[in-house]
Amino acid sequence: MKPCLVDVNVWLALLVRQHEHHARASHWFDALPASGARLCRFVQLALIRLLANRSLMRDHAIAVSAGWDLVAKLLEDERVEFLPEPPGLDDVMPTLLRYRAPTAQLVSDSYLASFAIASGLSLVTLDQGFRQFRGVDVTIL
């Protein structure tokens, strides 16, 4: 299995047992080999932000510091590695921003798709919208 960059929606589903896609994300994660998943700073911060969001998490929201600790614990798992921005990212991203009029969501998705392409990784997500980006090897859970 090729190493993959993991979208925030998959990490959130994995970490939140009440999430509607928790079982799907857990099944995928359990099958990963060592060093099979990559976490970038952009996704790390988005995950911490979402875990602390009371509108989304309701009674399960946690403090930002607890979110940081949870992600740090995730990075201790042999299947997960932190990945800094790859060289060439700035060359790829402008090409993906030209497909459609960018909305706020498309800008974020373009970044992750560009990151995956520049890193030579597949992208694992729950978001069907990533199929629009040519050149990215995407797996939709």
C-alpha atoms as a PDB file:
ATOM      1  CA  MET A   1       0.000   0.000   0.000  1.00  0.00           C
ATOM      2  CA  LYS A   2       1.351   3.403  -1.030  1.00  0.00           C
ATOM      3  CA  PRO A   3       1.755   5.932   1.836  1.00  0.00           C
ATOM      4  CA  CYS A   4      -0.984   8.526   1.864  1.00  0.00           C
ATOM      5  CA  LEU A   5      -1.750  12.053   2.970  1.00  0.00           C
ATOM      6  CA  VAL A   6      -4.873  11.932   5.126  1.00  0.00           C
ATOM      7  CA  ASP A   7      -7.572  14.612   4.963  1.00  0.00           C
ATOM      8  CA  VAL A   8      -8.905  16.159   8.159  1.00  0.00           C
ATOM      9  CA  ASN A   9     -12.336  14.564   7.709  1.00  0.00           C
ATOM     10  CA  VAL A  10     -10.807  11.080   7.962  1.00  0.00           C
ATOM     11  CA  TRP A  11      -8.790  11.940  11.085  1.00  0.00           C
ATOM     12  CA  LEU A  12     -11.884  13.487  12.686  1.00  0.00           C
ATOM     13  CA  ALA A  13     -13.992  10.411  11.879  1.00  0.00           C
ATOM     14  CA  LEU A  14     -11.253   8.199  13.293  1.00  0.00           C
ATOM     15  CA  LEU A  15     -10.888  10.117  16.558  1.00  0.00           C
ATOM     16  CA  VAL A  16     -14.563  10.836  17.267  1.00  0.00           C
ATOM     17  CA  ARG A  17     -16.489   7.668  18.056  1.00  0.00           C
ATOM     18  CA  GLN A  18     -19.812   9.448  17.536  1.00  0.00           C
ATOM     19  CA  HIS A  19     -18.884  10.459  13.968  1.00  0.00           C
ATOM     20  CA  GLU A  20     -21.089   8.862  11.308  1.00  0.00           C
ATOM     21  CA  HIS A  21     -18.011   7.549   9.454  1.00  0.00           C
ATOM     22  CA  HIS A  22     -16.071   6.356  12.514  1.00  0.00           C
ATOM     23  CA  ALA A  23     -16.392   2.660  11.667  1.00  0.00           C
ATOM     24  CA  ARG A  24     -15.297   3.243   8.063  1.00  0.00           C
ATOM     25  CA  ALA A  25     -12.275   5.322   9.132  1.00  0.00           C
ATOM     26  CA  SER A  26     -11.323   2.813  11.841  1.00  0.00           C
ATOM     27  CA  HIS A  27     -11.520  -0.103   9.414  1.00  0.00           C
ATOM     28  CA  TRP A  28      -9.248   1.766   6.973  1.00  0.00           C
ATOM     29  CA  PHE A  29      -6.791   2.813   9.711  1.00  0.00           C
ATOM     30  CA  ASP A  30      -6.590  -0.679  11.208  1.00  0.00           C
ATOM     31  CA  ALA A  31      -5.403  -2.024   7.840  1.00  0.00           C
ATOM     32  CA  LEU A  32      -2.558   0.506   7.489  1.00  0.00           C
ATOM     33  CA  PRO A  33       1.052  -0.671   7.584  1.00  0.00           C
ATOM     34  CA  ALA A  34       3.740   1.150   9.568  1.00  0.00           C
ATOM     35  CA  SER A  35       4.376   4.634   8.124  1.00  0.00           C
ATOM     36  CA  GLY A  36       1.280   4.319   5.933  1.00  0.00           C
ATOM     37  CA  ALA A  37      -0.358   7.645   6.843  1.00  0.00           C
ATOM     38  CA  ARG A  38       0.976  11.190   6.693  1.00  0.00           C
ATOM     39  CA  LEU A  39      -0.254  14.205   8.637  1.00  0.00           C
ATOM     40  CA  CYS A  40       0.672  17.704   7.482  1.00  0.00           C
ATOM     41  CA  ARG A  41       0.576  20.894   9.548  1.00  0.00           C
ATOM     42  CA  PHE A  42      -2.466  22.267   7.696  1.00  0.00           C
ATOM     43  CA  VAL A  43      -4.521  19.170   8.530  1.00  0.00           C
ATOM     44  CA  GLN A  44      -3.109  19.006  12.061  1.00  0.00           C
ATOM     45  CA  LEU A  45      -4.300  22.537  12.842  1.00  0.00           C
ATOM     46  CA  ALA A  46      -7.660  22.002  11.143  1.00  0.00           C
ATOM     47  CA  LEU A  47      -8.209  18.874  13.228  1.00  0.00           C
ATOM     48  CA  ILE A  48      -7.388  20.677  16.480  1.00  0.00           C
ATOM     49  CA  ARG A  49      -9.715  23.527  15.474  1.00  0.00           C
ATOM     50  CA  LEU A  50     -12.576  21.134  14.702  1.00  0.00           C
ATOM     51  CA  LEU A  51     -12.119  19.148  17.925  1.00  0.00           C
ATOM     52  CA  ALA A  52     -12.444  22.396  19.898  1.00  0.00           C
ATOM     53  CA  ASN A  53     -15.476  23.638  17.930  1.00  0.00           C
ATOM     54  CA  ARG A  54     -18.553  23.510  20.207  1.00  0.00           C
ATOM     55  CA  SER A  55     -20.952  23.967  17.290  1.00  0.00           C
ATOM     56  CA  LEU A  56     -19.611  20.831  15.665  1.00  0.00           C
ATOM     57  CA  MET A  57     -18.573  18.718  18.641  1.00  0.00           C
ATOM     58  CA  ARG A  58     -21.274  19.866  21.082  1.00  0.00           C
ATOM     59  CA  ASP A  59     -20.625  18.249  24.491  1.00  0.00           C
ATOM     60  CA  HIS A  60     -17.602  16.400  23.098  1.00  0.00           C
ATOM     61  CA  ALA A  61     -15.604  19.547  22.289  1.00  0.00           C
ATOM     62  CA  ILE A  62     -12.176  19.617  23.890  1.00  0.00           C
ATOM     63  CA  ALA A  63      -9.734  22.391  24.735  1.00  0.00           C
ATOM     64  CA  VAL A  64      -7.222  23.349  22.053  1.00  0.00           C
ATOM     65  CA  SER A  65      -4.389  22.140  24.287  1.00  0.00           C
ATOM     66  CA  ALA A  66      -6.124  18.764  24.655  1.00  0.00           C
ATOM     67  CA  GLY A  67      -6.500  18.637  20.863  1.00  0.00           C
ATOM     68  CA  TRP A  68      -2.776  19.278  20.486  1.00  0.00           C
ATOM     69  CA  ASP A  69      -2.061  16.445  22.940  1.00  0.00           C
ATOM     70  CA  LEU A  70      -4.442  14.108  21.088  1.00  0.00           C
ATOM     71  CA  VAL A  71      -2.686  14.778  17.773  1.00  0.00           C
ATOM     72  CA  ALA A  72       0.710  14.304  19.458  1.00  0.00           C
ATOM     73  CA  LYS A  73      -0.492  10.910  20.698  1.00  0.00           C
ATOM     74  CA  LEU A  74      -1.693  10.070  17.178  1.00  0.00           C
ATOM     75  CA  LEU A  75       1.806  10.862  15.882  1.00  0.00           C
ATOM     76  CA  GLU A  76       3.240   8.298  18.325  1.00  0.00           C
ATOM     77  CA  ASP A  77       1.422   5.560  16.382  1.00  0.00           C
ATOM     78  CA  GLU A  78       3.824   3.710  14.073  1.00  0.00           C
ATOM     79  CA  ARG A  79       1.360   4.108  11.184  1.00  0.00           C
ATOM     80  CA  VAL A  80       1.434   7.921  11.301  1.00  0.00           C
ATOM     81  CA  GLU A  81       4.210  10.306  10.288  1.00  0.00           C
ATOM     82  CA  PHE A  82       4.318  14.084  10.252  1.00  0.00           C
ATOM     83  CA  LEU A  83       5.191  15.490   6.834  1.00  0.00           C
ATOM     84  CA  PRO A  84       6.433  19.051   6.274  1.00  0.00           C
ATOM     85  CA  GLU A  85       5.580  20.950   3.086  1.00  0.00           C
ATOM     86  CA  PRO A  86       7.227  19.339   0.100  1.00  0.00           C
ATOM     87  CA  PRO A  87       9.389  21.134  -2.445  1.00  0.00           C
ATOM     88  CA  GLY A  88       7.411  21.934  -5.578  1.00  0.00           C
ATOM     89  CA  LEU A  89       4.144  22.651  -3.766  1.00  0.00           C
ATOM     90  CA  ASP A  90       4.082  26.243  -5.026  1.00  0.00           C
ATOM     91  CA  ASP A  91       4.512  24.996  -8.589  1.00  0.00           C
ATOM     92  CA  VAL A  92       1.561  22.593  -8.397  1.00  0.00           C
ATOM     93  CA  MET A  93      -0.986  24.651  -6.454  1.00  0.00           C
ATOM     94  CA  PRO A  94      -1.651  27.405  -9.018  1.00  0.00           C
ATOM     95  CA  THR A  95      -2.529  24.786 -11.633  1.00  0.00           C
ATOM     96  CA  LEU A  96      -5.204  23.284  -9.371  1.00  0.00           C
ATOM     97  CA  LEU A  97      -6.693  26.666  -8.514  1.00  0.00           C
ATOM     98  CA  ARG A  98      -7.527  27.258 -12.179  1.00  0.00           C
ATOM     99  CA  TYR A  99     -10.060  24.434 -12.586  1.00  0.00           C
ATOM    100  CA  ARG A 100     -13.037  26.404 -11.258  1.00  0.00           C
ATOM    101  CA  ALA A 101     -13.746  29.696  -9.574  1.00  0.00           C
ATOM    102  CA  PRO A 102     -12.195  28.990  -6.178  1.00  0.00           C
ATOM    103  CA  THR A 103     -14.402  29.078  -3.130  1.00  0.00           C
ATOM    104  CA  ALA A 104     -12.960  28.985   0.350  1.00  0.00           C
ATOM    105  CA  GLN A 105     -13.391  25.188   0.363  1.00  0.00           C
ATOM    106  CA  LEU A 106     -11.743  24.740  -3.024  1.00  0.00           C
ATOM    107  CA  VAL A 107      -8.711  26.710  -1.899  1.00  0.00           C
ATOM    108  CA  SER A 108      -8.198  24.343   1.042  1.00  0.00           C
ATOM    109  CA  ASP A 109      -8.859  21.288  -1.103  1.00  0.00           C
ATOM    110  CA  SER A 110      -6.470  22.596  -3.774  1.00  0.00           C
ATOM    111  CA  TYR A 111      -3.767  22.923  -1.149  1.00  0.00           C
ATOM    112  CA  LEU A 112      -4.187  19.332   0.049  1.00  0.00           C
ATOM    113  CA  ALA A 113      -4.377  17.950  -3.486  1.00  0.00           C
ATOM    114  CA  SER A 114      -1.247  19.929  -4.412  1.00  0.00           C
ATOM    115  CA  PHE A 115       0.512  18.706  -1.273  1.00  0.00           C
ATOM    116  CA  ALA A 116      -0.275  15.099  -2.180  1.00  0.00           C
ATOM    117  CA  ILE A 117       0.904  15.542  -5.776  1.00  0.00           C
ATOM    118  CA  ALA A 118       4.125  17.325  -4.796  1.00  0.00           C
ATOM    119  CA  SER A 119       4.827  14.641  -2.163  1.00  0.00           C
ATOM    120  CA  GLY A 120       4.088  11.750  -4.507  1.00  0.00           C
ATOM    121  CA  LEU A 121       1.410  10.477  -2.121  1.00  0.00           C
ATOM    122  CA  SER A 122      -2.152   9.372  -2.550  1.00  0.00           C
ATOM    123  CA  LEU A 123      -4.819  11.407  -0.714  1.00  0.00           C
ATOM    124  CA  VAL A 124      -7.333   9.642   1.544  1.00  0.00           C
ATOM    125  CA  THR A 125     -10.557  11.520   2.224  1.00  0.00           C
ATOM    126  CA  LEU A 126     -14.307  11.244   2.703  1.00  0.00           C
ATOM    127  CA  ASP A 127     -14.840  14.166   0.301  1.00  0.00           C
ATOM    128  CA  GLN A 128     -15.967  13.286  -3.240  1.00  0.00           C
ATOM    129  CA  GLY A 129     -14.968  16.801  -4.376  1.00  0.00           C
ATOM    130  CA  PHE A 130     -11.306  15.800  -4.641  1.00  0.00           C
ATOM    131  CA  ARG A 131     -12.113  13.827  -7.798  1.00  0.00           C
ATOM    132  CA  GLN A 132     -12.170  17.137  -9.716  1.00  0.00           C
ATOM    133  CA  PHE A 133      -8.418  17.627  -9.371  1.00  0.00           C
ATOM    134  CA  ARG A 134      -6.443  16.043 -12.170  1.00  0.00           C
ATOM    135  CA  GLY A 135      -3.161  14.481 -11.193  1.00  0.00           C
ATOM    136  CA  VAL A 136      -4.049  13.556  -7.633  1.00  0.00           C
ATOM    137  CA  ASP A 137      -4.321   9.893  -6.685  1.00  0.00           C
ATOM    138  CA  VAL A 138      -7.376  10.031  -4.408  1.00  0.00           C
ATOM    139  CA  THR A 139      -9.016   7.322  -2.328  1.00  0.00           C
ATOM    140  CA  ILE A 140     -12.515   8.098  -1.095  1.00  0.00           C
ATOM    141  CA  LEU A 141     -13.464   6.054   1.989  1.00  0.00           C
END
